[in-house]
Protein backbone atom coordinates (compact mmCIF):
# COMPACT_ATOMS: atom_id res chain seq x y z
CA MET A 1 107.61 53.47 -27.36
CA LEU A 2 109.89 53.34 -24.34
CA LYS A 3 113.44 54.80 -24.20
CA THR A 4 114.95 51.50 -23.02
CA LYS A 5 114.25 47.78 -22.46
CA VAL A 6 112.02 47.17 -19.50
CA LYS A 7 111.32 43.80 -17.75
CA ILE A 8 108.63 43.38 -15.07
CA SER A 9 109.41 40.55 -12.75
CA ASN A 10 107.24 38.17 -10.70
CA VAL A 11 103.93 39.11 -12.27
CA THR A 12 100.96 37.60 -10.41
CA ASN A 13 97.93 39.24 -12.00
CA LEU A 14 96.40 40.20 -15.35
CA SER A 15 96.28 43.86 -14.40
CA ASP A 16 100.12 44.15 -14.27
CA ALA A 17 100.49 41.95 -17.39
CA ARG A 18 98.05 43.98 -19.44
CA TYR A 19 99.19 47.42 -18.39
CA CYS A 20 102.84 46.64 -19.03
CA ALA A 21 102.29 44.96 -22.38
CA GLY A 22 100.26 47.97 -23.42
CA MET A 23 103.06 50.40 -22.25
CA GLY A 24 105.61 48.52 -24.51
CA VAL A 25 107.41 46.58 -21.83
CA GLU A 26 109.54 43.96 -23.61
CA MET A 27 109.79 41.23 -20.99
CA ILE A 28 107.18 39.99 -18.62
CA GLY A 29 108.38 37.46 -15.97
CA PHE A 30 106.44 34.78 -14.08
CA SER A 31 107.78 32.48 -11.30
CA MET A 32 107.75 29.00 -12.51
CA ASP A 33 108.48 27.80 -8.92
CA ASN A 34 105.21 28.75 -7.17
CA PHE A 35 102.93 30.60 -9.46
CA PRO A 36 99.72 28.48 -10.26
CA PHE A 37 100.08 27.16 -13.87
CA GLU A 38 96.42 27.54 -14.81
CA THR A 39 96.49 31.22 -13.82
CA TYR A 40 99.82 31.62 -15.79
CA LYS A 41 98.09 30.14 -18.83
CA GLU A 42 95.10 32.38 -18.58
CA ILE A 43 97.24 35.53 -18.19
CA ARG A 44 99.63 34.54 -21.02
CA GLY A 45 96.56 34.09 -23.36
CA TRP A 46 95.90 37.71 -23.04
CA LEU A 47 99.48 38.73 -24.08
CA SER A 48 101.15 39.21 -27.40
CA GLY A 49 104.22 40.99 -28.68
CA VAL A 50 106.15 40.43 -25.48
CA GLN A 51 108.89 38.01 -24.22
CA ILE A 52 107.70 35.73 -21.57
CA VAL A 53 110.39 35.06 -18.92
CA GLY A 54 110.24 31.95 -16.80
CA GLU A 55 111.80 32.84 -13.45
CA THR A 56 113.22 30.08 -11.18
CA SER A 57 115.53 29.71 -8.21
CA GLU A 58 115.86 26.00 -8.88
CA GLN A 59 119.47 24.59 -8.65
CA ASP A 60 118.68 21.18 -10.25
CA LEU A 61 119.11 21.13 -13.94
CA LEU A 62 116.60 18.32 -14.49
CA LYS A 63 113.91 20.37 -12.51
CA ILE A 64 114.68 23.43 -14.59
CA SER A 65 114.34 21.53 -17.77
CA GLU A 66 111.03 20.14 -16.63
CA LEU A 67 109.73 23.73 -15.72
CA LYS A 68 110.90 25.01 -19.10
CA GLU A 69 108.91 22.23 -20.96
CA HIS A 70 105.83 22.88 -18.76
CA PHE A 71 105.70 26.65 -18.92
CA LEU A 72 107.23 27.08 -22.36
CA PRO A 73 108.77 30.53 -21.73
CA ASP A 74 110.59 32.52 -24.35
CA MET A 75 113.46 33.26 -21.95
CA ILE A 76 114.60 31.81 -18.67
CA GLN A 77 115.88 33.65 -15.57
CA VAL A 78 118.01 31.88 -12.97
CA ASN A 79 119.98 33.01 -9.87
CA GLN A 80 122.77 30.54 -9.84
CA TRP A 81 125.56 30.13 -12.27
CA ASP A 82 127.28 26.77 -11.47
CA ASN A 83 125.64 25.10 -14.48
CA LEU A 84 125.02 27.89 -16.91
CA GLN A 85 126.58 25.99 -19.77
CA GLU A 86 124.16 23.14 -19.17
CA ILE A 87 121.13 25.58 -18.83
CA LYS A 88 122.23 27.18 -22.11
CA LYS A 89 121.71 23.83 -23.86
CA LEU A 90 117.97 24.11 -23.11
CA GLY A 91 118.00 26.56 -26.11
CA LEU A 92 116.56 29.70 -24.49
CA PRO A 93 118.07 33.19 -23.79
CA ILE A 94 119.31 33.34 -20.19
CA ILE A 95 118.88 36.17 -17.66
CA LEU A 96 121.18 35.71 -14.65
CA LYS A 97 120.00 37.48 -11.42
CA VAL A 98 122.89 38.84 -9.47
CA ASP A 99 123.20 40.75 -6.25
CA PHE A 100 125.02 44.08 -6.13
CA ALA A 101 125.26 43.94 -2.39
CA THR A 102 126.94 40.56 -1.94
CA ALA A 103 128.39 39.11 -5.23
CA ASN A 104 131.91 39.48 -6.51
CA LEU A 105 130.53 40.99 -9.62
CA PRO A 106 133.60 41.75 -11.62
CA ALA A 107 134.74 38.05 -11.38
CA LEU A 108 131.11 36.79 -11.87
CA PHE A 109 130.47 38.92 -15.01
CA GLN A 110 133.68 37.89 -16.59
CA SER A 111 133.23 34.21 -15.98
CA THR A 112 129.60 33.96 -17.07
CA VAL A 113 129.12 36.48 -19.82
CA ALA A 114 129.56 34.02 -22.62
CA ASP A 115 126.53 32.02 -21.39
CA VAL A 116 124.26 34.95 -20.40
CA ASP A 117 122.04 37.31 -22.49
CA TYR A 118 121.38 39.76 -19.59
CA PHE A 119 122.46 40.17 -15.98
CA LEU A 120 119.51 41.36 -13.82
CA LEU A 121 121.28 43.48 -11.30
CA GLU A 122 119.38 43.69 -8.02
CA SER A 123 120.42 44.45 -4.46
CA SER A 124 119.51 42.59 -1.25
CA ASP A 125 120.60 45.61 0.75
CA ASP A 126 117.48 47.71 1.45
CA PHE A 127 119.74 50.75 1.94
CA SER A 128 121.32 50.60 -1.51
CA ARG A 129 120.96 53.84 -3.39
CA LEU A 130 121.81 55.00 -6.81
CA ASP A 131 124.04 57.81 -5.75
CA ASP A 132 126.72 59.19 -8.13
CA ALA A 133 129.42 56.68 -7.03
CA THR A 134 127.05 53.73 -7.58
CA ILE A 135 125.92 54.99 -10.97
CA SER A 136 129.56 55.38 -12.00
CA GLN A 137 130.25 51.86 -10.95
CA ILE A 138 127.32 50.47 -12.91
CA ASP A 139 128.42 52.54 -15.87
CA SER A 140 131.90 51.00 -15.90
CA TRP A 141 130.27 47.49 -16.03
CA SER A 142 127.65 48.40 -18.47
CA PHE A 143 130.08 49.09 -21.33
CA LYS A 144 131.18 45.45 -21.07
CA TYR A 145 128.08 43.53 -19.92
CA PRO A 146 124.47 43.52 -20.75
CA ILE A 147 122.84 44.81 -17.53
CA LEU A 148 119.13 45.17 -16.56
CA LEU A 149 119.19 47.39 -13.51
CA ALA A 150 116.61 46.22 -10.86
CA PHE A 151 117.11 48.45 -7.87
CA GLY A 152 116.96 52.11 -6.88
CA ILE A 153 115.07 53.19 -10.04
CA SER A 154 112.36 55.83 -9.99
CA ASP A 155 110.76 58.30 -12.30
CA LYS A 156 113.01 60.92 -10.64
CA ASN A 157 116.28 59.30 -11.53
CA VAL A 158 115.77 56.99 -14.45
CA GLY A 159 116.72 59.74 -16.95
CA GLN A 160 119.99 60.32 -15.21
CA VAL A 161 120.76 56.57 -15.02
CA LEU A 162 120.02 56.13 -18.73
CA SER A 163 122.11 59.12 -19.81
CA GLU A 164 125.08 58.35 -17.60
CA THR A 165 125.34 54.51 -18.19
CA ASN A 166 125.07 52.08 -20.98
CA ILE A 167 122.77 49.60 -19.36
CA GLU A 168 120.59 47.51 -21.59
CA GLY A 169 117.42 48.41 -19.60
CA ILE A 170 115.70 48.24 -16.23
CA ALA A 171 113.70 45.67 -14.33
CA ILE A 172 110.78 46.43 -11.84
CA GLU A 173 108.73 44.09 -9.65
CA GLY A 174 105.12 43.39 -10.18
CA THR A 175 102.78 43.94 -7.18
CA GLU A 176 99.60 42.34 -5.84
CA GLU A 177 96.17 43.64 -6.84
CA GLU A 178 94.29 45.55 -4.18
CA ARG A 179 91.26 43.50 -5.14
CA PRO A 180 90.58 41.43 -8.18
CA GLY A 181 90.82 43.51 -11.33
CA TYR A 182 91.78 46.73 -9.57
CA LYS A 183 95.22 48.23 -8.94
CA ASP A 184 96.73 51.66 -8.20
CA PHE A 185 99.24 52.17 -11.00
CA THR A 186 100.31 55.65 -9.95
CA GLU A 187 103.93 54.79 -9.13
CA MET A 188 104.33 52.55 -12.25
CA MET A 189 102.65 55.04 -14.52
CA ASP A 190 105.02 57.86 -13.33
CA LEU A 191 108.00 55.65 -14.26
CA MET A 192 106.60 54.64 -17.55
CA GLU A 193 105.79 58.25 -18.34
CA ALA A 194 109.36 59.11 -17.66
CA LEU A 195 110.47 56.37 -20.06
CA GLU A 196 108.04 57.38 -22.90
CA GLU A 197 109.54 58.85 -26.05
CA GLU A 198 108.80 62.60 -26.62
CA CYS A 199 106.42 61.80 -29.52
CA LEU A 200 103.92 60.00 -27.37
CA ARG A 201 104.07 62.78 -24.56
CA GLY A 202 103.64 65.34 -27.25
CA LEU A 203 100.48 63.56 -28.50
CA VAL A 204 98.94 63.65 -25.08
CA ARG A 205 100.03 67.27 -24.47
CA PHE A 206 98.43 68.64 -27.71
CA PHE A 207 95.46 66.31 -27.72
CA PRO A 208 94.52 66.06 -24.03
CA PHE A 209 91.47 63.99 -24.81
CA TYR A 210 93.78 61.16 -26.14
CA GLN A 211 94.72 58.58 -23.62
CA PRO A 212 96.11 55.23 -24.41
CA ILE A 213 94.09 52.26 -23.55
CA GLU A 214 96.51 51.16 -20.93
CA TYR A 215 96.21 54.49 -19.05
CA GLN A 216 92.43 53.82 -18.72
CA ILE A 217 93.19 50.41 -17.34
CA GLY A 218 95.54 51.89 -14.89
CA LYS A 219 92.96 54.33 -13.64
CA GLY A 220 90.51 51.44 -13.16
CA PHE A 221 88.17 52.39 -15.98
CA LEU A 222 88.68 49.06 -17.83
CA ASN A 223 89.13 45.77 -15.86
C-alpha cells in the first residue's frame, strides 16, 4: 500500500500499466486524443482495481463527449476550464491540469474548485524545482484545494513533500518501452519504494526471498 494517491499519466504500454497497477497506483491515464483505441482496449483488459483516466486537450465539448463515450473512462482529465460546468454534466470526476509556471493559480483554483475533483499541478518550466519556498507555496494551496503534484518529485524528496504539505497525491509520467515487453523501471521503482508503507518494506527486509510480482516484472523476469 502506498502512502498517498498516485496517478500515472500518458501510459502507452502494458509494462507501465501492469507495474503501476501492481504497486497500488490508483489512477492510470491514457490520452484519448492520439493513443490507438485498440491498444488501449487491450491494455485496459489487463487492469482491475484502478481508476482509468481519459486525458484530452480538446476544447470542443461535443468532441470531449464523443471521446468519453468511446473510451468509457472512470475519470476525465482536461487542461482548459472555460466550460468545466458543461464537462461536469458528462457525469465523471474531473481532473484539471494546471501550470505552476504560467497560470494565475490562486484565481484559477478559487473559480473552478466547485467543478473539479483534482488539480493536476505540473510545470512547463524545465527549471522548476521543489525548493523550500515552492513547497511552502504548494502547502498553502493544498489545505484549500485537492492537488496532485506532477513536477519535481523524486524518491529523494517525496517524503519531505508529503510531510510538509497536504497534497492529495502525486502524478508521474509514463515512458516508452525500450523494446516490446521490456523496460527499465529503476527510477520508478525507487519512487514507489519511497512511497511504500513500512509493513511492506519490513516484509522484504525480514524475508529477502519475498518479492512482489510487480518487482519481477520491473526487473524484466515476467513480460
